[in-house]
Amino acid sequence: MRSRSSRGQFSAIFSIAVLLLSSFLPVAAQTAAPARSTADLIREGLTVQMIKDGTIALSAPEMEGRGTGQPGGEKAANWIAEKFKAYGLKPLGDKGSYLQKINFTETVADPATSLTVGDKSLAYGTDFAFPPMVGNRSGSGDVVFVGYAIVGKAAGIDQLADVDISGKYVVMLDGPPPGFPKETWEKQHLQRAIMRNLYSKRPAGIITFSRGDEQQTEDQGVDYYSRRQLSLGGAREYLPDGAPIFVSATKSGIEKIFAAGGMTREQALELAANTAFKGKDLKVKAKAVSKVQSNKVAAYNVAGVLEGSDPKLSSEAVLFSAHYDAYGKLNGKIYAGAADNALGVAEMLSVAETYSKLPQKPKRSMVFLAVTGEEYGLFGSKAWAKDPTWDIKKVAADLNLDGIGSEVYGPVKTMVGYGAEHSTLGALLDSVAKSMDINVIPDPMPDEKVFYRSDHYSFVERGVPSLMLLGAPAGDKEVWIQKIKDWEKGDYHQPGDTVKDSWAWEGAETVAEVMAIMGWQISEDAQMPSWLNSSRFSIYDRCNSYPIPDEESEDK
């Protein structure tokens, strides 16, 4: 056995040797590597390939457009559920599954549906369509053309002056006249005012058509209305007896209508452009027969949770949402919905996968919700918000992903947070975006009312601070806004919405990274996000059950 003195001497000699050796080592070996932040780990772990693979899989032909209540939609739901399982998410659906069943009523046009004007018979789905709310109705009457049907006493415009439309079929143009300020048209809700005025004069029917513009072709309205329609639960609510029969006409359809009255579409447009125009009797009769068939169909939300680690905060959750439905398979065509919204779902899945691989769990739980029925009225998210599989009072925030393709125009250096001005989520988005050298701008298209048109708004109505993210390239915003408008006119809700070779996938990666980092920071914060006092939603608590009036109602 050695003595204490010998042990001390050995320790001293060993220490000197270590010091001498260390002096010859590189500096990097002497300094511990700096700890990687969770944001860094998220950006490293979330990849383009995750998003690309998911988008391609969901928009593939075998998914048949992921139609709500169609086989392709159920196939997509099960595919997403398998991904949730692979990421280690726990089921949040019915009976221990990932799927939450939702019952819908499907409405389709009966073959007996018809429209004749004079000696012209119009083809349903090609020349015209009835909005589903018309239901089973029929009627006939004389046809009169009223231009844009504008009545403005202050401006001295009255295109219905001395025109008797009671019991008649009114043919009118939809939207503002050429040169009319669109902002004024939208702000004053002039289209709604025009329809109210027409209602008061008791026409038998209203036939609308479009002259076409940069965002909408003459045929898009009919294309939409002639598709199958869905409603939640019971039968669709139809127009009351005595209400006019609504008809939407394509370019070919309106040409037939005017031809029956001895004029052309071009002549009608020229007449309507003159504010002094007082209407023209086409001296023909129209007869409309609307018949519908209703069926019961089922579809599924897909929900899973990555449980949080904090004993107190794990009962609260950050909600990520994205709708996986598109228009499915209609008339032999597949509406793949690649940008809208296979891309958004793939981005959400990339967030879930990245979280699952992090070395630590978030403090709050992370709920991932892929919803169905968005295209028909936000029905999937409304159903979940009404009957949530996670306590809505403990949903910290909803972060929604709904693509319109702008994030794949190029590397994302510009972002819009729809709803950012209403809650503390706006400041969080600003902070995360700034750290990634991204410029956050206000809604560049306020007239489009995007904030009210996607699934996040279902949670806003329940009092949950929510945000939807749009990403776009740097540079002149008018350039990418025009691309969006071109996409809306050509591919939006059309078979042309497919994955393109030109897509810049790194832009989608950036959007997903920002959402993932925001979600993580919400999870870590001691306080849940809250409404700003300046917001019209600040009076609504989580689990709100009171109807929220629209902005127009509040302005009155």
Protein backbone atom coordinates (compact mmCIF):
# COMPACT_ATOMS: atom_id res chain seq x y z
CA MET A 1 0.00 0.00 0.00
CA ARG A 2 1.26 3.44 -0.98
CA SER A 3 1.49 6.33 1.48
CA ARG A 4 -0.59 9.58 1.27
CA SER A 5 2.51 11.53 0.32
CA SER A 6 3.18 9.32 -2.65
CA ARG A 7 -0.44 9.66 -3.84
CA GLY A 8 -0.24 13.46 -3.61
CA GLN A 9 3.08 13.49 -5.49
CA PHE A 10 1.56 11.34 -8.28
CA SER A 11 -1.44 13.68 -8.55
CA ALA A 12 0.77 16.71 -8.91
CA ILE A 13 2.92 15.08 -11.61
CA PHE A 14 -0.26 13.93 -13.49
CA SER A 15 -1.75 17.43 -13.41
CA ILE A 16 1.44 18.95 -14.85
CA ALA A 17 1.45 16.32 -17.61
CA VAL A 18 -2.15 17.13 -18.53
CA LEU A 19 -1.41 20.83 -18.71
CA LEU A 20 1.64 20.26 -20.91
CA LEU A 21 -0.33 17.98 -23.24
CA SER A 22 -3.23 20.35 -23.55
CA SER A 23 -0.94 23.13 -24.69
CA PHE A 24 -0.28 21.17 -27.88
CA LEU A 25 -3.95 20.42 -28.66
CA PRO A 26 -6.03 22.58 -31.08
CA VAL A 27 -8.08 25.33 -29.49
CA ALA A 28 -11.34 23.69 -30.67
CA ALA A 29 -10.54 20.57 -28.67
CA GLN A 30 -10.12 22.61 -25.52
CA THR A 31 -13.48 24.44 -25.87
CA ALA A 32 -16.84 22.72 -25.57
CA ALA A 33 -19.06 23.13 -28.63
CA PRO A 34 -21.85 25.67 -28.05
CA ALA A 35 -25.23 24.11 -27.29
CA ARG A 36 -27.59 23.97 -30.26
CA SER A 37 -30.88 25.78 -29.70
CA THR A 38 -34.15 23.97 -30.36
CA ALA A 39 -34.79 26.38 -33.24
CA ASP A 40 -31.47 25.30 -34.77
CA LEU A 41 -32.37 21.64 -34.32
CA ILE A 42 -35.77 22.21 -35.94
CA ARG A 43 -34.21 23.91 -38.95
CA GLU A 44 -31.64 21.15 -39.29
CA GLY A 45 -34.15 18.33 -38.90
CA LEU A 46 -36.98 19.62 -41.10
CA THR A 47 -36.15 18.98 -44.73
CA VAL A 48 -37.39 19.70 -48.21
CA GLN A 49 -37.65 15.97 -48.87
CA MET A 50 -40.21 15.51 -46.09
CA ILE A 51 -42.51 18.09 -47.66
CA LYS A 52 -41.92 17.02 -51.24
CA ASP A 53 -42.60 13.36 -50.50
CA GLY A 54 -45.77 14.14 -48.56
CA THR A 55 -47.16 16.50 -51.21
CA ILE A 56 -46.50 14.07 -54.05
CA ALA A 57 -48.05 11.17 -52.12
CA LEU A 58 -51.22 13.06 -51.18
CA SER A 59 -51.78 14.48 -54.67
CA ALA A 60 -51.01 11.21 -56.48
CA PRO A 61 -53.67 9.79 -58.84
CA GLU A 62 -54.42 6.89 -56.48
CA MET A 63 -55.69 9.40 -53.89
CA GLU A 64 -58.33 10.49 -56.43
CA GLY A 65 -58.32 14.10 -55.25
CA ARG A 66 -59.06 13.23 -51.57
CA GLY A 67 -62.76 14.02 -52.02
CA THR A 68 -64.82 14.42 -48.85
CA GLY A 69 -67.01 11.34 -48.50
CA GLN A 70 -65.30 9.63 -51.45
CA PRO A 71 -62.99 6.57 -51.39
CA GLY A 72 -59.94 8.73 -52.14
CA GLY A 73 -60.67 10.92 -49.13
CA GLU A 74 -60.86 7.92 -46.80
CA LYS A 75 -57.65 6.53 -48.29
CA ALA A 76 -55.89 9.84 -47.61
CA ALA A 77 -57.21 9.92 -44.02
CA ASN A 78 -55.81 6.46 -43.33
CA TRP A 79 -52.49 7.42 -44.94
CA ILE A 80 -52.18 10.45 -42.65
CA ALA A 81 -53.15 8.32 -39.64
CA GLU A 82 -50.31 5.91 -40.44
CA LYS A 83 -47.90 8.84 -40.54
CA PHE A 84 -49.11 10.03 -37.14
CA LYS A 85 -48.56 6.53 -35.78
CA ALA A 86 -45.05 6.37 -37.26
CA TYR A 87 -44.18 9.68 -35.55
CA GLY A 88 -45.29 8.34 -32.17
CA LEU A 89 -48.37 10.55 -31.87
CA LYS A 90 -51.14 9.21 -29.67
CA PRO A 91 -54.59 8.87 -31.23
CA LEU A 92 -57.14 11.64 -30.64
CA GLY A 93 -60.02 10.26 -32.68
CA ASP A 94 -63.02 8.05 -32.03
CA LYS A 95 -62.66 4.89 -29.91
CA GLY A 96 -58.90 5.05 -29.57
CA SER A 97 -58.29 5.66 -33.28
CA TYR A 98 -56.85 8.65 -35.12
CA LEU A 99 -60.11 9.19 -37.06
CA GLN A 100 -63.04 11.39 -36.03
CA LYS A 101 -66.11 10.48 -38.09
CA ILE A 102 -68.26 13.30 -39.52
CA ASN A 103 -71.62 12.74 -41.21
CA PHE A 104 -72.48 14.81 -44.26
CA THR A 105 -75.46 15.26 -46.55
CA GLU A 106 -74.42 15.16 -50.19
CA THR A 107 -76.54 17.05 -52.73
CA VAL A 108 -76.32 16.43 -56.48
CA ALA A 109 -78.40 17.62 -59.40
CA ASP A 110 -81.17 15.31 -60.63
CA PRO A 111 -81.16 14.53 -64.37
CA ALA A 112 -84.58 16.19 -64.62
CA THR A 113 -82.99 19.61 -63.92
CA SER A 114 -83.51 21.92 -66.91
CA LEU A 115 -83.60 25.51 -68.19
CA THR A 116 -85.18 26.75 -71.42
CA VAL A 117 -85.26 30.33 -72.70
CA GLY A 118 -87.49 30.90 -75.71
CA ASP A 119 -86.62 28.14 -78.15
CA LYS A 120 -83.19 27.49 -76.58
CA SER A 121 -82.52 24.55 -74.26
CA LEU A 122 -79.49 24.95 -72.02
CA ALA A 123 -77.28 22.06 -70.85
CA TYR A 124 -76.81 21.65 -67.10
CA GLY A 125 -73.17 21.92 -66.04
CA THR A 126 -72.13 23.29 -69.44
CA ASP A 127 -74.44 26.26 -69.96
CA PHE A 128 -75.88 26.78 -66.50
CA ALA A 129 -76.22 25.51 -62.94
CA PHE A 130 -78.44 26.15 -59.94
CA PRO A 131 -76.76 26.82 -56.59
CA PRO A 132 -77.70 23.90 -54.29
CA MET A 133 -79.73 26.18 -52.02
CA VAL A 134 -82.39 26.42 -54.74
CA GLY A 135 -83.52 22.85 -53.98
CA ASN A 136 -86.58 21.39 -55.71
CA ARG A 137 -88.18 24.33 -57.45
CA SER A 138 -89.70 25.25 -60.78
CA GLY A 139 -91.13 28.34 -62.37
CA SER A 140 -91.49 30.39 -65.53
CA GLY A 141 -91.72 34.04 -66.53
CA ASP A 142 -90.76 36.71 -69.03
CA VAL A 143 -87.05 37.56 -69.34
CA VAL A 144 -85.66 41.07 -68.83
CA PHE A 145 -82.02 42.22 -68.96
CA VAL A 146 -81.09 44.79 -66.27
CA GLY A 147 -77.32 45.19 -66.74
CA TYR A 148 -75.57 45.42 -63.37
CA ALA A 149 -78.90 46.28 -61.65
CA ILE A 150 -77.24 49.24 -59.93
CA VAL A 151 -79.48 51.61 -58.03
CA GLY A 152 -77.68 54.60 -56.56
CA LYS A 153 -79.88 57.59 -55.87
CA ALA A 154 -76.99 59.80 -54.73
CA ALA A 155 -75.08 59.07 -57.94
CA GLY A 156 -78.17 59.40 -60.08
CA ILE A 157 -77.96 55.77 -61.28
CA ASP A 158 -81.04 53.56 -61.43
CA GLN A 159 -80.86 50.72 -63.91
CA LEU A 160 -84.18 49.37 -62.61
CA ALA A 161 -86.09 52.61 -63.13
CA ASP A 162 -89.38 52.02 -64.88
CA VAL A 163 -88.53 48.30 -65.30
CA ASP A 164 -91.15 45.89 -64.01
CA ILE A 165 -89.36 42.74 -62.82
CA SER A 166 -92.10 41.27 -60.62
CA GLY A 167 -92.68 37.63 -61.56
CA LYS A 168 -90.00 37.82 -64.28
CA TYR A 169 -86.58 36.28 -64.84
CA VAL A 170 -83.94 38.96 -64.36
CA VAL A 171 -80.70 38.58 -66.35
CA MET A 172 -77.85 40.54 -64.74
CA LEU A 173 -74.08 40.85 -64.65
CA ASP A 174 -72.25 39.76 -61.51
CA GLY A 175 -69.72 42.11 -59.98
CA PRO A 176 -68.76 45.76 -60.50
CA PRO A 177 -68.96 47.47 -63.90
CA PRO A 178 -65.71 48.18 -65.81
CA GLY A 179 -63.77 50.99 -64.16
CA PHE A 180 -65.77 50.93 -60.96
CA PRO A 181 -63.43 51.11 -57.93
CA LYS A 182 -63.23 47.57 -56.56
CA GLU A 183 -62.35 48.84 -53.08
CA THR A 184 -65.54 50.91 -52.96
CA TRP A 185 -67.56 48.00 -54.30
CA GLU A 186 -66.25 45.68 -51.57
CA LYS A 187 -66.25 48.18 -48.71
CA GLN A 188 -69.84 49.26 -49.32
CA HIS A 189 -71.01 45.67 -49.97
CA LEU A 190 -72.71 46.83 -53.13
CA GLN A 191 -73.34 43.35 -54.54
CA ARG A 192 -75.29 42.45 -51.42
CA ALA A 193 -77.22 45.72 -51.58
CA ILE A 194 -78.10 45.05 -55.24
CA MET A 195 -79.43 41.57 -54.44
CA ARG A 196 -81.50 42.88 -51.52
CA ASN A 197 -83.05 45.48 -53.81
CA LEU A 198 -83.85 42.84 -56.43
CA TYR A 199 -85.45 40.63 -53.78
CA SER A 200 -87.74 43.41 -52.72
CA LYS A 201 -89.17 43.61 -56.25
CA ARG A 202 -90.18 39.91 -56.23
CA PRO A 203 -88.70 38.50 -59.46
CA ALA A 204 -89.41 34.87 -60.34
CA GLY A 205 -85.74 34.18 -60.97
CA ILE A 206 -82.31 35.79 -61.20
CA ILE A 207 -79.88 34.67 -63.92
CA THR A 208 -76.33 35.92 -63.32
CA PHE A 209 -73.32 35.85 -65.60
CA SER A 210 -69.77 37.20 -65.53
CA ARG A 211 -67.93 39.22 -68.12
CA GLY A 212 -64.72 37.57 -66.87
CA ASP A 213 -61.85 39.29 -65.12
CA GLU A 214 -58.26 38.67 -64.06
CA GLN A 215 -59.33 36.30 -61.27
CA GLN A 216 -62.43 34.57 -62.58
CA THR A 217 -63.41 33.19 -65.94
CA GLU A 218 -66.95 33.40 -67.24
CA ASP A 219 -67.49 29.72 -66.46
CA GLN A 220 -66.05 29.20 -62.96
CA GLY A 221 -69.30 29.88 -61.13
CA VAL A 222 -71.18 27.19 -63.06
CA ASP A 223 -68.26 24.79 -62.74
CA TYR A 224 -68.49 25.12 -58.95
CA TYR A 225 -72.27 25.00 -58.58
CA SER A 226 -72.65 21.97 -60.84
CA ARG A 227 -70.42 19.89 -58.55
CA ARG A 228 -71.68 17.77 -55.69
CA GLN A 229 -72.30 19.87 -52.61
CA LEU A 230 -72.04 18.92 -48.96
CA SER A 231 -73.61 20.09 -45.73
CA LEU A 232 -73.16 18.98 -42.13
CA GLY A 233 -75.65 16.64 -40.57
CA GLY A 234 -79.20 16.88 -41.89
CA ALA A 235 -80.62 18.11 -45.15
CA ARG A 236 -79.30 21.30 -46.67
CA GLU A 237 -81.24 24.46 -45.92
CA TYR A 238 -83.01 25.59 -49.07
CA LEU A 239 -84.47 28.93 -50.08
CA PRO A 240 -87.95 29.60 -48.71
CA ASP A 241 -91.01 29.43 -50.94
CA GLY A 242 -91.47 32.65 -52.86
CA ALA A 243 -87.74 33.38 -53.10
CA PRO A 244 -86.43 33.78 -56.66
CA ILE A 245 -84.79 30.85 -58.41
CA PHE A 246 -81.08 31.52 -58.80
CA VAL A 247 -79.32 30.53 -62.02
CA SER A 248 -75.62 30.88 -62.87
CA ALA A 249 -74.83 30.95 -66.61
CA THR A 250 -71.58 30.32 -68.50
CA LYS A 251 -70.46 32.27 -71.53
CA SER A 252 -72.04 29.71 -73.87
CA GLY A 253 -75.21 29.68 -71.79
CA ILE A 254 -75.68 33.44 -71.74
CA GLU A 255 -75.04 33.60 -75.48
CA LYS A 256 -77.96 31.21 -75.96
CA ILE A 257 -80.16 33.29 -73.65
CA PHE A 258 -79.45 36.54 -75.48
CA ALA A 259 -79.77 34.84 -78.86
CA ALA A 260 -83.27 33.77 -77.86
CA GLY A 261 -83.99 37.46 -77.28
CA GLY A 262 -82.54 38.59 -80.59
CA MET A 263 -79.26 40.09 -79.39
CA THR A 264 -75.65 39.14 -78.66
CA ARG A 265 -73.64 38.95 -75.44
CA GLU A 266 -71.36 41.73 -76.69
CA GLN A 267 -74.34 44.01 -77.33
CA ALA A 268 -75.59 43.29 -73.81
CA LEU A 269 -72.20 44.18 -72.29
CA GLU A 270 -72.15 47.45 -74.24
CA LEU A 271 -75.64 48.38 -73.03
CA ALA A 272 -74.81 47.54 -69.41
CA ALA A 273 -71.66 49.67 -69.40
CA ASN A 274 -73.82 52.77 -69.92
CA THR A 275 -75.02 53.98 -66.52
CA ALA A 276 -78.08 55.43 -68.21
CA PHE A 277 -79.21 51.95 -69.27
CA LYS A 278 -82.75 51.25 -67.94
CA GLY A 279 -83.24 47.61 -68.77
CA LYS A 280 -84.42 45.70 -71.83
CA ASP A 281 -87.29 43.24 -72.20
CA LEU A 282 -85.99 40.26 -74.23
CA LYS A 283 -89.60 39.33 -75.14
CA VAL A 284 -89.08 35.63 -74.44
CA LYS A 285 -90.07 33.34 -71.59
CA ALA A 286 -87.81 31.26 -69.37
CA LYS A 287 -88.72 28.04 -67.62
CA ALA A 288 -86.53 26.59 -64.90
CA VAL A 289 -86.80 23.19 -63.21
CA SER A 290 -84.41 22.48 -60.33
CA LYS A 291 -84.36 19.01 -58.80
CA VAL A 292 -81.80 17.60 -56.39
CA GLN A 293 -80.93 14.23 -54.87
CA SER A 294 -79.60 13.91 -51.33
CA ASN A 295 -77.42 11.13 -49.93
CA LYS A 296 -75.70 10.44 -46.62
CA VAL A 297 -71.90 10.19 -46.71
CA ALA A 298 -69.20 10.03 -44.04
CA ALA A 299 -65.71 11.53 -43.89
CA TYR A 300 -62.99 11.81 -41.27
CA ASN A 301 -60.82 14.29 -39.44
CA VAL A 302 -57.44 12.86 -38.44
CA ALA A 303 -56.06 13.86 -35.04
CA GLY A 304 -53.02 12.88 -32.99
CA VAL A 305 -51.02 14.35 -30.11
CA LEU A 306 -47.37 14.52 -29.12
CA GLU A 307 -47.73 14.74 -25.35
CA GLY A 308 -45.92 17.49 -23.51
CA SER A 309 -43.35 16.98 -20.79
CA ASP A 310 -44.26 19.65 -18.24
CA PRO A 311 -46.48 18.40 -15.40
CA LYS A 312 -48.53 21.60 -15.41
CA LEU A 313 -48.43 22.70 -19.04
CA SER A 314 -48.86 19.33 -20.76
CA SER A 315 -52.66 19.51 -20.29
CA GLU A 316 -52.56 22.51 -22.64
CA ALA A 317 -51.84 22.14 -26.34
CA VAL A 318 -50.62 23.96 -29.41
CA LEU A 319 -52.90 23.00 -32.30
CA PHE A 320 -51.59 22.60 -35.86
CA SER A 321 -54.27 22.34 -38.54
CA ALA A 322 -54.41 21.77 -42.28
CA HIS A 323 -57.22 20.51 -44.49
CA TYR A 324 -56.43 17.43 -46.56
CA ASP A 325 -59.57 17.40 -48.71
CA ALA A 326 -59.80 18.59 -52.30
CA TYR A 327 -62.71 18.17 -54.75
CA GLY A 328 -62.03 14.53 -55.42
CA LYS A 329 -63.08 12.77 -58.59
CA LEU A 330 -65.83 14.49 -60.58
CA ASN A 331 -67.09 13.67 -64.05
CA GLY A 332 -64.05 11.50 -64.71
CA LYS A 333 -61.58 14.24 -63.73
CA ILE A 334 -59.32 14.21 -60.66
CA TYR A 335 -58.98 17.46 -58.71
CA ALA A 336 -55.61 16.67 -57.15
CA GLY A 337 -55.40 19.79 -54.95
CA ALA A 338 -51.59 19.80 -54.80
CA ALA A 339 -51.06 23.39 -53.65
CA ASP A 340 -54.51 23.49 -52.03
CA ASN A 341 -53.84 21.65 -49.81
CA ALA A 342 -51.63 18.59 -50.09
CA LEU A 343 -48.73 21.01 -49.68
CA GLY A 344 -50.09 22.43 -46.41
CA VAL A 345 -50.70 18.95 -44.97
CA ALA A 346 -47.20 17.86 -45.96
CA GLU A 347 -45.78 20.93 -44.20
CA MET A 348 -47.77 20.07 -41.07
CA LEU A 349 -46.58 16.46 -41.21
CA SER A 350 -42.97 17.67 -41.51
CA VAL A 351 -43.45 19.64 -38.29
CA ALA A 352 -44.81 16.56 -36.50
CA GLU A 353 -41.99 14.35 -37.76
CA THR A 354 -39.34 16.89 -36.77
CA TYR A 355 -40.76 17.27 -33.26
CA SER A 356 -40.80 13.49 -32.85
CA LYS A 357 -37.04 13.32 -33.48
CA LEU A 358 -35.96 16.12 -31.13
CA PRO A 359 -33.93 15.07 -28.07
CA GLN A 360 -36.44 16.71 -25.73
CA LYS A 361 -40.21 16.95 -25.68
CA PRO A 362 -42.12 20.25 -25.70
CA LYS A 363 -43.59 21.47 -22.43
CA ARG A 364 -47.11 21.83 -23.83
CA SER A 365 -48.64 19.05 -25.89
CA MET A 366 -48.73 19.35 -29.67
CA VAL A 367 -52.00 18.40 -31.36
CA PHE A 368 -51.95 17.77 -35.11
CA LEU A 369 -55.30 17.94 -36.91
CA ALA A 370 -55.85 17.12 -40.59
CA VAL A 371 -59.42 18.16 -41.37
CA THR A 372 -61.87 17.20 -44.08
CA GLY A 373 -64.67 19.18 -45.71
CA GLU A 374 -62.87 22.53 -45.81
CA GLU A 375 -63.74 23.17 -49.44
CA TYR A 376 -67.46 22.99 -48.69
CA GLY A 377 -67.53 25.38 -45.74
CA LEU A 378 -64.77 24.66 -43.19
CA PHE A 379 -66.94 21.76 -42.07
CA GLY A 380 -64.23 19.49 -40.65
CA SER A 381 -62.68 22.17 -38.47
CA LYS A 382 -66.12 23.43 -37.41
CA ALA A 383 -67.04 19.88 -36.36
CA TRP A 384 -63.84 19.46 -34.34
CA ALA A 385 -64.15 22.89 -32.74
CA LYS A 386 -67.73 22.07 -31.71
CA ASP A 387 -66.85 18.58 -30.47
CA PRO A 388 -63.10 18.77 -29.78
CA THR A 389 -61.04 15.74 -28.89
CA TRP A 390 -58.83 18.05 -26.79
CA ASP A 391 -60.32 20.46 -24.26
CA ILE A 392 -60.85 23.66 -26.28
CA LYS A 393 -60.31 25.73 -23.11
CA LYS A 394 -56.77 24.39 -23.06
CA VAL A 395 -55.89 24.95 -26.72
CA ALA A 396 -53.22 27.62 -26.51
CA ALA A 397 -53.37 28.61 -30.19
CA ASP A 398 -54.11 27.28 -33.64
CA LEU A 399 -51.44 27.49 -36.35
CA ASN A 400 -53.03 26.74 -39.72
CA LEU A 401 -51.44 25.82 -43.04
CA ASP A 402 -53.53 26.27 -46.19
CA GLY A 403 -51.59 26.64 -49.39
CA ILE A 404 -52.23 28.84 -52.39
CA GLY A 405 -48.86 27.99 -53.86
CA SER A 406 -47.03 31.25 -53.21
CA GLU A 407 -44.49 29.55 -50.95
CA VAL A 408 -43.16 27.58 -53.93
CA TYR A 409 -42.64 30.57 -56.24
CA GLY A 410 -39.10 30.90 -54.89
CA PRO A 411 -37.15 31.14 -51.62
CA VAL A 412 -39.49 32.63 -49.02
CA LYS A 413 -38.39 36.04 -47.76
CA THR A 414 -41.84 37.59 -47.26
CA MET A 415 -44.63 36.41 -44.95
CA VAL A 416 -48.21 37.32 -44.14
CA GLY A 417 -49.79 36.17 -40.90
CA TYR A 418 -53.55 36.15 -41.34
CA GLY A 419 -54.92 37.07 -37.93
CA ALA A 420 -51.59 38.41 -36.66
CA GLU A 421 -53.09 41.80 -35.87
CA HIS A 422 -55.58 40.27 -33.45
CA SER A 423 -53.37 38.48 -30.92
CA THR A 424 -49.93 38.14 -29.39
CA LEU A 425 -49.19 35.59 -32.13
CA GLY A 426 -48.38 38.58 -34.35
CA ALA A 427 -45.42 39.64 -32.20
CA LEU A 428 -44.22 36.04 -32.04
CA LEU A 429 -44.35 35.74 -35.83
CA ASP A 430 -42.41 38.99 -36.16
CA SER A 431 -39.72 37.71 -33.79
CA VAL A 432 -39.29 34.32 -35.47
CA ALA A 433 -39.36 35.80 -38.96
CA LYS A 434 -36.78 38.45 -38.05
CA SER A 435 -34.42 35.75 -36.76
CA MET A 436 -34.63 34.12 -40.20
CA ASP A 437 -34.26 37.36 -42.18
CA ILE A 438 -37.88 37.29 -43.33
CA ASN A 439 -40.01 40.39 -43.80
CA VAL A 440 -43.57 40.25 -42.39
CA ILE A 441 -46.13 42.40 -44.23
CA PRO A 442 -49.86 43.12 -43.74
CA ASP A 443 -52.47 41.29 -45.79
CA PRO A 444 -51.70 42.38 -49.37
CA MET A 445 -55.16 41.34 -50.64
CA PRO A 446 -57.65 42.49 -47.96
CA ASP A 447 -60.57 42.36 -50.39
CA GLU A 448 -60.16 38.58 -50.61
CA LYS A 449 -61.13 38.18 -46.91
CA VAL A 450 -58.63 35.30 -46.57
CA PHE A 451 -58.70 35.52 -42.76
CA TYR A 452 -62.31 34.27 -42.75
CA ARG A 453 -61.87 31.59 -45.43
CA SER A 454 -59.75 28.84 -43.90
CA ASP A 455 -59.88 26.47 -40.97
CA HIS A 456 -58.18 28.69 -38.40
CA TYR A 457 -61.35 30.79 -38.33
CA SER A 458 -63.32 27.86 -36.88
CA PHE A 459 -61.09 28.18 -33.81
CA VAL A 460 -61.27 31.97 -33.77
CA GLU A 461 -65.04 31.53 -33.42
CA ARG A 462 -64.42 29.42 -30.30
CA GLY A 463 -62.20 32.17 -28.83
CA VAL A 464 -58.82 30.59 -29.62
CA PRO A 465 -56.07 32.94 -30.92
CA SER A 466 -55.23 31.64 -34.38
CA LEU A 467 -52.99 32.41 -37.30
CA MET A 468 -52.56 31.22 -40.88
CA LEU A 469 -49.23 31.73 -42.59
CA LEU A 470 -48.57 32.69 -46.21
CA GLY A 471 -45.05 32.69 -47.57
CA ALA A 472 -43.83 34.43 -50.70
CA PRO A 473 -40.57 35.47 -52.38
CA ALA A 474 -38.80 38.75 -51.85
CA GLY A 475 -39.17 41.68 -54.24
CA ASP A 476 -42.15 43.51 -55.70
CA LYS A 477 -45.23 41.97 -54.09
CA GLU A 478 -47.32 42.80 -57.14
CA VAL A 479 -45.32 40.21 -59.10
CA TRP A 480 -46.23 37.27 -56.85
CA ILE A 481 -49.75 38.60 -56.25
CA GLN A 482 -50.28 38.45 -60.01
CA LYS A 483 -49.00 34.87 -59.98
CA ILE A 484 -51.56 34.06 -57.31
CA LYS A 485 -54.31 35.62 -59.44
CA ASP A 486 -53.17 33.67 -62.49
CA TRP A 487 -53.22 30.49 -60.41
CA GLU A 488 -56.70 31.31 -59.09
CA LYS A 489 -57.97 31.79 -62.62
CA GLY A 490 -56.37 28.69 -64.11
CA ASP A 491 -55.68 26.03 -61.45
CA TYR A 492 -57.53 26.98 -58.27
CA HIS A 493 -60.07 24.22 -57.49
CA GLN A 494 -59.40 22.81 -60.94
CA PRO A 495 -57.73 19.61 -62.22
CA GLY A 496 -54.68 21.75 -63.05
CA ASP A 497 -53.69 22.10 -59.39
CA THR A 498 -50.91 19.51 -59.57
CA VAL A 499 -47.25 19.40 -58.50
CA LYS A 500 -45.16 21.47 -60.92
CA ASP A 501 -41.54 20.94 -61.96
CA SER A 502 -40.98 24.67 -61.39
CA TRP A 503 -41.82 24.55 -57.67
CA ALA A 504 -39.17 25.89 -55.33
CA TRP A 505 -39.56 23.45 -52.46
CA GLU A 506 -37.17 25.33 -50.19
CA GLY A 507 -39.86 28.01 -49.82
CA ALA A 508 -42.28 25.47 -48.39
CA GLU A 509 -39.54 24.27 -46.05
CA THR A 510 -39.14 27.81 -44.71
CA VAL A 511 -42.87 28.12 -44.04
CA ALA A 512 -42.90 24.84 -42.13
CA GLU A 513 -39.82 25.85 -40.13
CA VAL A 514 -41.39 29.14 -39.06
CA MET A 515 -44.55 27.32 -37.96
CA ALA A 516 -42.53 24.69 -36.08
CA ILE A 517 -40.43 27.28 -34.24
CA MET A 518 -43.52 29.34 -33.39
CA GLY A 519 -45.26 26.24 -32.07
CA TRP A 520 -42.27 25.32 -29.92
CA GLN A 521 -42.00 28.79 -28.44
CA ILE A 522 -45.72 28.80 -27.63
CA SER A 523 -45.19 25.46 -25.92
CA GLU A 524 -42.37 26.82 -23.78
CA ASP A 525 -44.00 30.12 -22.76
CA ALA A 526 -45.55 30.22 -19.30
CA GLN A 527 -48.57 32.10 -20.66
CA MET A 528 -50.85 31.05 -23.49
CA PRO A 529 -51.25 33.52 -26.39
CA SER A 530 -54.01 36.08 -25.89
CA TRP A 531 -56.17 38.46 -27.88
CA LEU A 532 -55.01 42.06 -28.10
CA ASN A 533 -57.28 44.64 -26.50
CA SER A 534 -57.54 46.34 -29.89
CA SER A 535 -59.01 43.20 -31.49
CA ARG A 536 -62.73 42.72 -32.06
CA PHE A 537 -62.25 39.19 -30.71
CA SER A 538 -60.85 40.28 -27.34
CA ILE A 539 -64.24 39.84 -25.63
CA TYR A 540 -64.39 36.14 -26.54
CA ASP A 541 -62.84 33.58 -24.18
CA ARG A 542 -61.73 30.10 -25.18
CA CYS A 543 -64.77 27.84 -25.51
CA ASN A 544 -66.87 30.78 -26.72
CA SER A 545 -70.38 29.68 -27.67
CA TYR A 546 -71.80 33.03 -28.82
CA PRO A 547 -72.17 33.85 -32.53
CA ILE A 548 -69.52 36.33 -33.64
CA PRO A 549 -71.03 38.99 -35.93
CA ASP A 550 -69.23 39.75 -39.16
CA GLU A 551 -67.47 43.05 -39.62
CA GLU A 552 -70.29 44.49 -41.69
CA SER A 553 -72.81 43.84 -38.91
CA GLU A 554 -70.56 45.47 -36.34
CA ASP A 555 -70.11 48.55 -38.52
CA LYS A 556 -73.86 49.17 -38.66
